[in-house]
């Protein structure tokens, strides 16, 4: 059985905390990532970028996790943006209006400028 890679890792580029998310963000996986994601967000100084280039699928559970982290960023006065949406994820974002909540960039280079 081919087990999907799932995970988070972060790096700081200038004042921006880039959080790379990997794997399907669905009901089976989101709970495994959420606490770590929130801890990473709390460590940010000024700005957070979620790099979703390695996220091929997102469900309502994944969307909820992102919106929850958006609220945390708003409380902490941290800006948040997203980059690297795969076509299927981009379509979901369009359908549910996530692009009205988040600033979305095509790639990491654009997001950190």
PDB file of N, CA and C in Angstrom:
ATOM      1  N   UNK A   1       0.846  -1.182   0.000  1.00  0.00           N
ATOM      2  CA  UNK A   1       0.000   0.000   0.000  1.00  0.00           C
ATOM      3  C   UNK A   1       0.889   1.242   0.000  1.00  0.00           C
ATOM      4  N   UNK A   2       0.605   2.189  -0.874  1.00  0.00           N
ATOM      5  CA  UNK A   2       1.378   3.418  -0.986  1.00  0.00           C
ATOM      6  C   UNK A   2       0.840   4.439  -0.003  1.00  0.00           C
ATOM      7  N   UNK A   3       1.578   4.680   1.055  1.00  0.00           N
ATOM      8  CA  UNK A   3       1.118   5.607   2.078  1.00  0.00           C
ATOM      9  C   UNK A   3       1.481   7.034   1.705  1.00  0.00           C
ATOM     10  N   UNK A   4       0.505   7.890   1.778  1.00  0.00           N
ATOM     11  CA  UNK A   4       0.670   9.293   1.413  1.00  0.00           C
ATOM     12  C   UNK A   4       1.553  10.008   2.423  1.00  0.00           C
ATOM     13  N   UNK A   5       2.394  10.897   1.909  1.00  0.00           N
ATOM     14  CA  UNK A   5       3.199  11.732   2.799  1.00  0.00           C
ATOM     15  C   UNK A   5       2.309  12.825   3.361  1.00  0.00           C
ATOM     16  N   UNK A   6       2.488  13.078   4.634  1.00  0.00           N
ATOM     17  CA  UNK A   6       1.707  14.095   5.322  1.00  0.00           C
ATOM     18  C   UNK A   6       2.644  14.821   6.264  1.00  0.00           C
ATOM     19  N   UNK A   7       2.593  16.130   6.268  1.00  0.00           N
ATOM     20  CA  UNK A   7       3.449  16.820   7.205  1.00  0.00           C
ATOM     21  C   UNK A   7       3.479  18.318   7.046  1.00  0.00           C
ATOM     22  N   UNK A   8       4.208  18.926   7.959  1.00  0.00           N
ATOM     23  CA  UNK A   8       4.425  20.368   8.006  1.00  0.00           C
ATOM     24  C   UNK A   8       5.897  20.604   8.271  1.00  0.00           C
ATOM     25  N   UNK A   9       6.442  21.600   7.660  1.00  0.00           N
ATOM     26  CA  UNK A   9       7.738  22.110   8.082  1.00  0.00           C
ATOM     27  C   UNK A   9       7.777  23.599   7.772  1.00  0.00           C
ATOM     28  N   UNK A  10       8.580  24.309   8.516  1.00  0.00           N
ATOM     29  CA  UNK A  10       8.600  25.761   8.355  1.00  0.00           C
ATOM     30  C   UNK A  10      10.018  26.258   8.157  1.00  0.00           C
ATOM     31  N   UNK A  11      10.088  27.435   7.578  1.00  0.00           N
ATOM     32  CA  UNK A  11      11.352  28.144   7.420  1.00  0.00           C
ATOM     33  C   UNK A  11      11.036  29.633   7.488  1.00  0.00           C
ATOM     34  N   UNK A  12      12.009  30.404   7.932  1.00  0.00           N
ATOM     35  CA  UNK A  12      11.833  31.846   7.986  1.00  0.00           C
ATOM     36  C   UNK A  12      12.625  32.474   6.849  1.00  0.00           C
ATOM     37  N   UNK A  13      11.948  33.288   6.067  1.00  0.00           N
ATOM     38  CA  UNK A  13      12.575  34.026   4.972  1.00  0.00           C
ATOM     39  C   UNK A  13      12.317  35.499   5.236  1.00  0.00           C
ATOM     40  N   UNK A  14      13.348  36.203   5.680  1.00  0.00           N
ATOM     41  CA  UNK A  14      13.165  37.597   6.091  1.00  0.00           C
ATOM     42  C   UNK A  14      12.258  37.648   7.305  1.00  0.00           C
ATOM     43  N   UNK A  15      11.168  38.423   7.205  1.00  0.00           N
ATOM     44  CA  UNK A  15      10.187  38.531   8.292  1.00  0.00           C
ATOM     45  C   UNK A  15       9.034  37.540   8.138  1.00  0.00           C
ATOM     46  N   UNK A  16       9.122  36.675   7.153  1.00  0.00           N
ATOM     47  CA  UNK A  16       8.002  35.798   6.817  1.00  0.00           C
ATOM     48  C   UNK A  16       8.265  34.371   7.295  1.00  0.00           C
ATOM     49  N   UNK A  17       7.305  33.821   8.030  1.00  0.00           N
ATOM     50  CA  UNK A  17       7.346  32.408   8.398  1.00  0.00           C
ATOM     51  C   UNK A  17       6.610  31.646   7.303  1.00  0.00           C
ATOM     52  N   UNK A  18       7.334  30.829   6.569  1.00  0.00           N
ATOM     53  CA  UNK A  18       6.739  30.018   5.507  1.00  0.00           C
ATOM     54  C   UNK A  18       6.473  28.628   6.078  1.00  0.00           C
ATOM     55  N   UNK A  19       5.215  28.215   6.007  1.00  0.00           N
ATOM     56  CA  UNK A  19       4.832  26.895   6.488  1.00  0.00           C
ATOM     57  C   UNK A  19       4.460  26.051   5.279  1.00  0.00           C
ATOM     58  N   UNK A  20       5.268  25.026   5.041  1.00  0.00           N
ATOM     59  CA  UNK A  20       5.048  24.118   3.922  1.00  0.00           C
ATOM     60  C   UNK A  20       4.148  22.988   4.421  1.00  0.00           C
ATOM     61  N   UNK A  21       3.031  22.814   3.756  1.00  0.00           N
ATOM     62  CA  UNK A  21       2.066  21.777   4.123  1.00  0.00           C
ATOM     63  C   UNK A  21       2.086  20.719   3.025  1.00  0.00           C
ATOM     64  N   UNK A  22       2.108  19.455   3.451  1.00  0.00           N
ATOM     65  CA  UNK A  22       2.220  18.353   2.501  1.00  0.00           C
ATOM     66  C   UNK A  22       1.144  17.316   2.782  1.00  0.00           C
ATOM     67  N   UNK A  23       0.451  16.887   1.734  1.00  0.00           N
ATOM     68  CA  UNK A  23      -0.534  15.820   1.850  1.00  0.00           C
ATOM     69  C   UNK A  23      -1.957  16.309   1.676  1.00  0.00           C
ATOM     70  N   UNK A  24      -2.881  15.362   1.624  1.00  0.00           N
ATOM     71  CA  UNK A  24      -4.299  15.692   1.513  1.00  0.00           C
ATOM     72  C   UNK A  24      -4.803  16.292   2.820  1.00  0.00           C
ATOM     73  N   UNK A  25      -5.470  17.427   2.724  1.00  0.00           N
ATOM     74  CA  UNK A  25      -6.074  18.048   3.914  1.00  0.00           C
ATOM     75  C   UNK A  25      -7.533  17.631   3.961  1.00  0.00           C
ATOM     76  N   UNK A  26      -7.754  16.455   4.529  1.00  0.00           N
ATOM     77  CA  UNK A  26      -9.105  15.909   4.620  1.00  0.00           C
ATOM     78  C   UNK A  26      -9.416  15.503   6.056  1.00  0.00           C
ATOM     79  N   UNK A  27     -10.591  14.958   6.255  1.00  0.00           N
ATOM     80  CA  UNK A  27     -11.045  14.606   7.596  1.00  0.00           C
ATOM     81  C   UNK A  27     -10.122  13.588   8.263  1.00  0.00           C
ATOM     82  N   UNK A  28      -9.433  12.785   7.490  1.00  0.00           N
ATOM     83  CA  UNK A  28      -8.548  11.765   8.049  1.00  0.00           C
ATOM     84  C   UNK A  28      -7.201  12.322   8.483  1.00  0.00           C
ATOM     85  N   UNK A  29      -6.788  13.447   7.915  1.00  0.00           N
ATOM     86  CA  UNK A  29      -5.447  13.968   8.161  1.00  0.00           C
ATOM     87  C   UNK A  29      -5.386  15.283   8.932  1.00  0.00           C
ATOM     88  N   UNK A  30      -6.396  16.104   8.784  1.00  0.00           N
ATOM     89  CA  UNK A  30      -6.331  17.453   9.343  1.00  0.00           C
ATOM     90  C   UNK A  30      -6.071  17.454  10.844  1.00  0.00           C
ATOM     91  N   UNK A  31      -6.715  16.554  11.563  1.00  0.00           N
ATOM     92  CA  UNK A  31      -6.523  16.513  13.020  1.00  0.00           C
ATOM     93  C   UNK A  31      -5.076  16.199  13.397  1.00  0.00           C
ATOM     94  N   UNK A  32      -4.342  15.522  12.503  1.00  0.00           N
ATOM     95  CA  UNK A  32      -2.943  15.191  12.778  1.00  0.00           C
ATOM     96  C   UNK A  32      -2.041  16.415  12.662  1.00  0.00           C
ATOM     97  N   UNK A  33      -2.479  17.420  11.913  1.00  0.00           N
ATOM     98  CA  UNK A  33      -1.654  18.590  11.640  1.00  0.00           C
ATOM     99  C   UNK A  33      -2.048  19.839  12.419  1.00  0.00           C
ATOM    100  N   UNK A  34      -3.294  19.923  12.829  1.00  0.00           N
ATOM    101  CA  UNK A  34      -3.839  21.196  13.319  1.00  0.00           C
ATOM    102  C   UNK A  34      -3.077  21.772  14.515  1.00  0.00           C
ATOM    103  N   UNK A  35      -2.799  20.987  15.535  1.00  0.00           N
ATOM    104  CA  UNK A  35      -2.104  21.530  16.714  1.00  0.00           C
ATOM    105  C   UNK A  35      -0.712  22.036  16.368  1.00  0.00           C
ATOM    106  N   UNK A  36       0.007  21.280  15.537  1.00  0.00           N
ATOM    107  CA  UNK A  36       1.344  21.712  15.122  1.00  0.00           C
ATOM    108  C   UNK A  36       1.273  22.984  14.285  1.00  0.00           C
ATOM    109  N   UNK A  37       0.278  23.063  13.411  1.00  0.00           N
ATOM    110  CA  UNK A  37       0.115  24.258  12.589  1.00  0.00           C
ATOM    111  C   UNK A  37      -0.142  25.485  13.458  1.00  0.00           C
ATOM    112  N   UNK A  38      -1.026  25.358  14.434  1.00  0.00           N
ATOM    113  CA  UNK A  38      -1.342  26.495  15.306  1.00  0.00           C
ATOM    114  C   UNK A  38      -0.119  26.915  16.126  1.00  0.00           C
ATOM    115  N   UNK A  39       0.671  25.960  16.571  1.00  0.00           N
ATOM    116  CA  UNK A  39       1.892  26.285  17.313  1.00  0.00           C
ATOM    117  C   UNK A  39       2.870  27.047  16.422  1.00  0.00           C
ATOM    118  N   UNK A  40       2.995  26.622  15.171  1.00  0.00           N
ATOM    119  CA  UNK A  40       3.877  27.333  14.241  1.00  0.00           C
ATOM    120  C   UNK A  40       3.391  28.761  14.020  1.00  0.00           C
ATOM    121  N   UNK A  41       2.096  28.926  13.820  1.00  0.00           N
ATOM    122  CA  UNK A  41       1.532  30.258  13.605  1.00  0.00           C
ATOM    123  C   UNK A  41       1.815  31.158  14.811  1.00  0.00           C
ATOM    124  N   UNK A  42       1.658  30.617  16.008  1.00  0.00           N
ATOM    125  CA  UNK A  42       1.911  31.408  17.223  1.00  0.00           C
ATOM    126  C   UNK A  42       3.359  31.863  17.324  1.00  0.00           C
ATOM    127  N   UNK A  43       4.278  31.155  16.663  1.00  0.00           N
ATOM    128  CA  UNK A  43       5.688  31.531  16.726  1.00  0.00           C
ATOM    129  C   UNK A  43       6.053  32.615  15.706  1.00  0.00           C
ATOM    130  N   UNK A  44       5.142  32.937  14.808  1.00  0.00           N
ATOM    131  CA  UNK A  44       5.421  33.933  13.770  1.00  0.00           C
ATOM    132  C   UNK A  44       5.523  35.325  14.377  1.00  0.00           C
ATOM    133  N   UNK A  45       6.371  36.131  13.778  1.00  0.00           N
ATOM    134  CA  UNK A  45       6.572  37.500  14.267  1.00  0.00           C
ATOM    135  C   UNK A  45       5.655  38.497  13.564  1.00  0.00           C
ATOM    136  N   UNK A  46       5.569  38.388  12.239  1.00  0.00           N
ATOM    137  CA  UNK A  46       4.886  39.424  11.473  1.00  0.00           C
ATOM    138  C   UNK A  46       3.956  38.875  10.399  1.00  0.00           C
ATOM    139  N   UNK A  47       4.410  37.835   9.706  1.00  0.00           N
ATOM    140  CA  UNK A  47       3.684  37.364   8.533  1.00  0.00           C
ATOM    141  C   UNK A  47       3.849  35.855   8.370  1.00  0.00           C
ATOM    142  N   UNK A  48       2.787  35.208   7.875  1.00  0.00           N
ATOM    143  CA  UNK A  48       2.791  33.767   7.621  1.00  0.00           C
ATOM    144  C   UNK A  48       2.360  33.525   6.179  1.00  0.00           C
ATOM    145  N   UNK A  49       3.055  32.614   5.524  1.00  0.00           N
ATOM    146  CA  UNK A  49       2.648  32.140   4.201  1.00  0.00           C
ATOM    147  C   UNK A  49       2.500  30.633   4.283  1.00  0.00           C
ATOM    148  N   UNK A  50       1.344  30.131   3.869  1.00  0.00           N
ATOM    149  CA  UNK A  50       1.153  28.690   3.740  1.00  0.00           C
ATOM    150  C   UNK A  50       1.495  28.313   2.301  1.00  0.00           C
ATOM    151  N   UNK A  51       2.467  27.442   2.141  1.00  0.00           N
ATOM    152  CA  UNK A  51       2.822  26.931   0.822  1.00  0.00           C
ATOM    153  C   UNK A  51       2.099  25.600   0.631  1.00  0.00           C
ATOM    154  N   UNK A  52       1.114  25.594  -0.250  1.00  0.00           N
ATOM    155  CA  UNK A  52       0.282  24.404  -0.465  1.00  0.00           C
ATOM    156  C   UNK A  52       0.637  23.665  -1.752  1.00  0.00           C
ATOM    157  N   UNK A  53       1.828  23.875  -2.274  1.00  0.00           N
ATOM    158  CA  UNK A  53       2.245  23.254  -3.528  1.00  0.00           C
ATOM    159  C   UNK A  53       2.173  21.720  -3.463  1.00  0.00           C
ATOM    160  N   UNK A  54       2.306  21.148  -2.266  1.00  0.00           N
ATOM    161  CA  UNK A  54       2.253  19.690  -2.122  1.00  0.00           C
ATOM    162  C   UNK A  54       0.945  19.216  -1.485  1.00  0.00           C
ATOM    163  N   UNK A  55      -0.119  20.005  -1.675  1.00  0.00           N
ATOM    164  CA  UNK A  55      -1.451  19.624  -1.189  1.00  0.00           C
ATOM    165  C   UNK A  55      -2.338  19.391  -2.418  1.00  0.00           C
ATOM    166  N   UNK A  56      -2.559  18.122  -2.783  1.00  0.00           N
ATOM    167  CA  UNK A  56      -3.349  17.834  -3.982  1.00  0.00           C
ATOM    168  C   UNK A  56      -4.866  17.892  -3.769  1.00  0.00           C
ATOM    169  N   UNK A  57      -5.304  17.851  -2.495  1.00  0.00           N
ATOM    170  CA  UNK A  57      -6.742  17.770  -2.205  1.00  0.00           C
ATOM    171  C   UNK A  57      -7.031  18.458  -0.885  1.00  0.00           C
ATOM    172  N   UNK A  58      -8.189  19.142  -0.834  1.00  0.00           N
ATOM    173  CA  UNK A  58      -8.626  19.746   0.430  1.00  0.00           C
ATOM    174  C   UNK A  58     -10.129  19.538   0.581  1.00  0.00           C
ATOM    175  N   UNK A  59     -10.537  19.142   1.776  1.00  0.00           N
ATOM    176  CA  UNK A  59     -11.963  18.955   2.075  1.00  0.00           C
ATOM    177  C   UNK A  59     -12.411  20.074   3.017  1.00  0.00           C
ATOM    178  N   UNK A  60     -13.650  20.003   3.443  1.00  0.00           N
ATOM    179  CA  UNK A  60     -14.163  21.010   4.373  1.00  0.00           C
ATOM    180  C   UNK A  60     -13.373  21.001   5.677  1.00  0.00           C
ATOM    181  N   UNK A  61     -12.844  19.863   6.078  1.00  0.00           N
ATOM    182  CA  UNK A  61     -12.033  19.796   7.301  1.00  0.00           C
ATOM    183  C   UNK A  61     -10.742  20.601   7.129  1.00  0.00           C
ATOM    184  N   UNK A  62     -10.117  20.495   5.972  1.00  0.00           N
ATOM    185  CA  UNK A  62      -8.922  21.280   5.696  1.00  0.00           C
ATOM    186  C   UNK A  62      -9.225  22.767   5.613  1.00  0.00           C
ATOM    187  N   UNK A  63     -10.344  23.106   4.992  1.00  0.00           N
ATOM    188  CA  UNK A  63     -10.759  24.515   4.913  1.00  0.00           C
ATOM    189  C   UNK A  63     -10.997  25.077   6.313  1.00  0.00           C
ATOM    190  N   UNK A  64     -11.634  24.272   7.177  1.00  0.00           N
ATOM    191  CA  UNK A  64     -11.888  24.715   8.544  1.00  0.00           C
ATOM    192  C   UNK A  64     -10.579  24.986   9.270  1.00  0.00           C
ATOM    193  N   UNK A  65      -9.591  24.120   9.084  1.00  0.00           N
ATOM    194  CA  UNK A  65      -8.294  24.312   9.729  1.00  0.00           C
ATOM    195  C   UNK A  65      -7.655  25.630   9.264  1.00  0.00           C
ATOM    196  N   UNK A  66      -7.727  25.903   7.982  1.00  0.00           N
ATOM    197  CA  UNK A  66      -7.149  27.146   7.466  1.00  0.00           C
ATOM    198  C   UNK A  66      -7.878  28.374   7.999  1.00  0.00           C
ATOM    199  N   UNK A  67      -9.206  28.310   8.067  1.00  0.00           N
ATOM    200  CA  UNK A  67      -9.974  29.444   8.591  1.00  0.00           C
ATOM    201  C   UNK A  67      -9.706  29.632  10.080  1.00  0.00           C
ATOM    202  N   UNK A  68      -9.574  28.547  10.818  1.00  0.00           N
ATOM    203  CA  UNK A  68      -9.238  28.640  12.243  1.00  0.00           C
ATOM    204  C   UNK A  68      -7.884  29.326  12.424  1.00  0.00           C
ATOM    205  N   UNK A  69      -6.930  28.971  11.588  1.00  0.00           N
ATOM    206  CA  UNK A  69      -5.611  29.601  11.688  1.00  0.00           C
ATOM    207  C   UNK A  69      -5.659  31.059  11.249  1.00  0.00           C
ATOM    208  N   UNK A  70      -6.532  31.383  10.303  1.00  0.00           N
ATOM    209  CA  UNK A  70      -6.732  32.781   9.899  1.00  0.00           C
ATOM    210  C   UNK A  70      -7.220  33.605  11.088  1.00  0.00           C
ATOM    211  N   UNK A  71      -8.170  33.081  11.818  1.00  0.00           N
ATOM    212  CA  UNK A  71      -8.679  33.790  13.007  1.00  0.00           C
ATOM    213  C   UNK A  71      -7.579  33.997  14.041  1.00  0.00           C
ATOM    214  N   UNK A  72      -6.747  32.988  14.239  1.00  0.00           N
ATOM    215  CA  UNK A  72      -5.624  33.114  15.171  1.00  0.00           C
ATOM    216  C   UNK A  72      -4.676  34.217  14.701  1.00  0.00           C
ATOM    217  N   UNK A  73      -4.366  34.235  13.419  1.00  0.00           N
ATOM    218  CA  UNK A  73      -3.487  35.286  12.881  1.00  0.00           C
ATOM    219  C   UNK A  73      -4.099  36.672  13.088  1.00  0.00           C
ATOM    220  N   UNK A  74      -5.391  36.785  12.885  1.00  0.00           N
ATOM    221  CA  UNK A  74      -6.058  38.077  13.094  1.00  0.00           C
ATOM    222  C   UNK A  74      -5.944  38.509  14.556  1.00  0.00           C
ATOM    223  N   UNK A  75      -6.130  37.578  15.478  1.00  0.00           N
ATOM    224  CA  UNK A  75      -5.993  37.887  16.905  1.00  0.00           C
ATOM    225  C   UNK A  75      -4.585  38.343  17.244  1.00  0.00           C
ATOM    226  N   UNK A  76      -3.586  37.718  16.619  1.00  0.00           N
ATOM    227  CA  UNK A  76      -2.186  38.010  16.900  1.00  0.00           C
ATOM    228  C   UNK A  76      -1.631  39.153  16.043  1.00  0.00           C
ATOM    229  N   UNK A  77      -2.482  39.721  15.185  1.00  0.00           N
ATOM    230  CA  UNK A  77      -2.076  40.818  14.285  1.00  0.00           C
ATOM    231  C   UNK A  77      -0.953  40.383  13.342  1.00  0.00           C
ATOM    232  N   UNK A  78      -1.075  39.177  12.815  1.00  0.00           N
ATOM    233  CA  UNK A  78      -0.116  38.609  11.881  1.00  0.00           C
ATOM    234  C   UNK A  78      -0.806  38.512  10.522  1.00  0.00           C
ATOM    235  N   UNK A  79      -0.124  38.944   9.464  1.00  0.00           N
ATOM    236  CA  UNK A  79      -0.704  38.792   8.131  1.00  0.00           C
ATOM    237  C   UNK A  79      -0.524  37.348   7.674  1.00  0.00           C
ATOM    238  N   UNK A  80      -1.449  36.891   6.852  1.00  0.00           N
ATOM    239  CA  UNK A  80      -1.410  35.510   6.380  1.00  0.00           C
ATOM    240  C   UNK A  80      -1.753  35.479   4.901  1.00  0.00           C
ATOM    241  N   UNK A  81      -1.040  34.635   4.175  1.00  0.00           N
ATOM    242  CA  UNK A  81      -1.343  34.434   2.761  1.00  0.00           C
ATOM    243  C   UNK A  81      -1.055  32.979   2.398  1.00  0.00           C
ATOM    244  N   UNK A  82      -1.485  32.621   1.208  1.00  0.00           N
ATOM    245  CA  UNK A  82      -1.367  31.244   0.732  1.00  0.00           C
ATOM    246  C   UNK A  82      -0.754  31.274  -0.663  1.00  0.00           C
ATOM    247  N   UNK A  83       0.091  30.285  -0.954  1.00  0.00           N
ATOM    248  CA  UNK A  83       0.642  30.176  -2.301  1.00  0.00           C
ATOM    249  C   UNK A  83       0.664  28.725  -2.750  1.00  0.00           C
ATOM    250  N   UNK A  84       0.852  28.548  -4.057  1.00  0.00           N
ATOM    251  CA  UNK A  84       1.069  27.223  -4.615  1.00  0.00           C
ATOM    252  C   UNK A  84      -0.150  26.326  -4.691  1.00  0.00           C
ATOM    253  N   UNK A  85      -1.323  26.907  -4.951  1.00  0.00           N
ATOM    254  CA  UNK A  85      -2.520  26.072  -5.016  1.00  0.00           C
ATOM    255  C   UNK A  85      -2.495  25.167  -6.242  1.00  0.00           C
ATOM    256  N   UNK A  86      -2.706  23.886  -6.017  1.00  0.00           N
ATOM    257  CA  UNK A  86      -2.857  22.931  -7.098  1.00  0.00           C
ATOM    258  C   UNK A  86      -4.237  23.143  -7.732  1.00  0.00           C
ATOM    259  N   UNK A  87      -4.440  22.741  -8.987  1.00  0.00           N
ATOM    260  CA  UNK A  87      -5.715  23.019  -9.665  1.00  0.00           C
ATOM    261  C   UNK A  87      -6.969  22.570  -8.897  1.00  0.00           C
ATOM    262  N   UNK A  88      -6.947  21.379  -8.320  1.00  0.00           N
ATOM    263  CA  UNK A  88      -8.136  20.897  -7.601  1.00  0.00           C
ATOM    264  C   UNK A  88      -8.404  21.731  -6.353  1.00  0.00           C
ATOM    265  N   UNK A  89      -7.339  22.124  -5.662  1.00  0.00           N
ATOM    266  CA  UNK A  89      -7.483  22.954  -4.456  1.00  0.00           C
ATOM    267  C   UNK A  89      -7.924  24.359  -4.836  1.00  0.00           C
ATOM    268  N   UNK A  90      -7.367  24.893  -5.908  1.00  0.00           N
ATOM    269  CA  UNK A  90      -7.744  26.218  -6.392  1.00  0.00           C
ATOM    270  C   UNK A  90      -9.237  26.249  -6.736  1.00  0.00           C
ATOM    271  N   UNK A  91      -9.716  25.198  -7.341  1.00  0.00           N
ATOM    272  CA  UNK A  91     -11.143  25.126  -7.704  1.00  0.00           C
ATOM    273  C   UNK A  91     -12.020  25.149  -6.453  1.00  0.00           C
ATOM    274  N   UNK A  92     -11.638  24.388  -5.433  1.00  0.00           N
ATOM    275  CA  UNK A  92     -12.394  24.390  -4.173  1.00  0.00           C
ATOM    276  C   UNK A  92     -12.364  25.785  -3.555  1.00  0.00           C
ATOM    277  N   UNK A  93     -11.193  26.427  -3.541  1.00  0.00           N
ATOM    278  CA  UNK A  93     -11.074  27.777  -2.992  1.00  0.00           C
ATOM    279  C   UNK A  93     -12.025  28.732  -3.709  1.00  0.00           C
ATOM    280  N   UNK A  94     -12.099  28.626  -5.036  1.00  0.00           N
ATOM    281  CA  UNK A  94     -12.998  29.494  -5.807  1.00  0.00           C
ATOM    282  C   UNK A  94     -14.453  29.228  -5.464  1.00  0.00           C
ATOM    283  N   UNK A  95     -14.819  27.961  -5.391  1.00  0.00           N
ATOM    284  CA  UNK A  95     -16.219  27.591  -5.139  1.00  0.00           C
ATOM    285  C   UNK A  95     -16.703  28.112  -3.788  1.00  0.00           C
ATOM    286  N   UNK A  96     -15.862  27.989  -2.759  1.00  0.00           N
ATOM    287  CA  UNK A  96     -16.308  28.367  -1.410  1.00  0.00           C
ATOM    288  C   UNK A  96     -15.927  29.800  -1.019  1.00  0.00           C
ATOM    289  N   UNK A  97     -15.248  30.515  -1.889  1.00  0.00           N
ATOM    290  CA  UNK A  97     -14.930  31.916  -1.614  1.00  0.00           C
ATOM    291  C   UNK A  97     -13.740  32.145  -0.700  1.00  0.00           C
ATOM    292  N   UNK A  98     -12.832  31.179  -0.616  1.00  0.00           N
ATOM    293  CA  UNK A  98     -11.659  31.341   0.252  1.00  0.00           C
ATOM    294  C   UNK A  98     -10.751  32.473  -0.232  1.00  0.00           C
ATOM    295  N   UNK A  99     -10.790  32.762  -1.516  1.00  0.00           N
ATOM    296  CA  UNK A  99      -9.940  33.837  -2.044  1.00  0.00           C
ATOM    297  C   UNK A  99     -10.386  35.201  -1.534  1.00  0.00           C
ATOM    298  N   UNK A 100     -11.566  35.282  -0.964  1.00  0.00           N
ATOM    299  CA  UNK A 100     -12.014  36.523  -0.339  1.00  0.00           C
ATOM    300  C   UNK A 100     -11.465  36.656   1.080  1.00  0.00           C
ATOM    301  N   UNK A 101     -11.050  35.548   1.675  1.00  0.00           N
ATOM    302  CA  UNK A 101     -10.510  35.561   3.037  1.00  0.00           C
ATOM    303  C   UNK A 101      -8.992  35.666   3.068  1.00  0.00           C
ATOM    304  N   UNK A 102      -8.346  35.043   2.097  1.00  0.00           N
ATOM    305  CA  UNK A 102      -6.890  34.966   2.069  1.00  0.00           C
ATOM    306  C   UNK A 102      -6.343  35.684   0.844  1.00  0.00           C
ATOM    307  N   UNK A 103      -5.159  36.261   0.989  1.00  0.00           N
ATOM    308  CA  UNK A 103      -4.410  36.722  -0.169  1.00  0.00           C
ATOM    309  C   UNK A 103      -3.721  35.494  -0.747  1.00  0.00           C
ATOM    310  N   UNK A 104      -3.912  35.259  -2.034  1.00  0.00           N
ATOM    311  CA  UNK A 104      -3.391  34.055  -2.662  1.00  0.00           C
ATOM    312  C   UNK A 104      -2.401  34.451  -3.759  1.00  0.00           C
ATOM    313  N   UNK A 105      -1.239  33.815  -3.713  1.00  0.00           N
ATOM    314  CA  UNK A 105      -0.177  34.053  -4.685  1.00  0.00           C
ATOM    315  C   UNK A 105       0.055  32.774  -5.489  1.00  0.00           C
ATOM    316  N   UNK A 106       0.526  32.923  -6.730  1.00  0.00           N
ATOM    317  CA  UNK A 106       0.742  31.715  -7.545  1.00  0.00           C
ATOM    318  C   UNK A 106       1.900  30.859  -7.057  1.00  0.00           C
ATOM    319  N   UNK A 107       2.917  31.493  -6.439  1.00  0.00           N
ATOM    320  CA  UNK A 107       4.083  30.732  -6.006  1.00  0.00           C
ATOM    321  C   UNK A 107       4.731  31.392  -4.791  1.00  0.00           C
ATOM    322  N   UNK A 108       5.678  30.688  -4.197  1.00  0.00           N
ATOM    323  CA  UNK A 108       6.333  31.170  -2.979  1.00  0.00           C
ATOM    324  C   UNK A 108       7.103  32.454  -3.235  1.00  0.00           C
ATOM    325  N   UNK A 109       7.787  32.527  -4.352  1.00  0.00           N
ATOM    326  CA  UNK A 109       8.570  33.727  -4.660  1.00  0.00           C
ATOM    327  C   UNK A 109       7.696  34.980  -4.654  1.00  0.00           C
ATOM    328  N   UNK A 110       6.530  34.901  -5.250  1.00  0.00           N
ATOM    329  CA  UNK A 110       5.585  36.032  -5.270  1.00  0.00           C
ATOM    330  C   UNK A 110       5.090  36.360  -3.859  1.00  0.00           C
ATOM    331  N   UNK A 111       4.851  35.324  -3.079  1.00  0.00           N
ATOM    332  CA  UNK A 111       4.268  35.508  -1.748  1.00  0.00           C
ATOM    333  C   UNK A 111       5.222  36.197  -0.775  1.00  0.00           C
ATOM    334  N   UNK A 112       6.530  35.993  -0.919  1.00  0.00           N
ATOM    335  CA  UNK A 112       7.456  36.555   0.068  1.00  0.00           C
ATOM    336  C   UNK A 112       8.030  37.915  -0.343  1.00  0.00           C
ATOM    337  N   UNK A 113       7.673  38.395  -1.511  1.00  0.00           N
ATOM    338  CA  UNK A 113       8.165  39.720  -1.947  1.00  0.00           C
ATOM    339  C   UNK A 113       7.472  40.837  -1.216  1.00  0.00           C
TER     340      UNK A 113
END
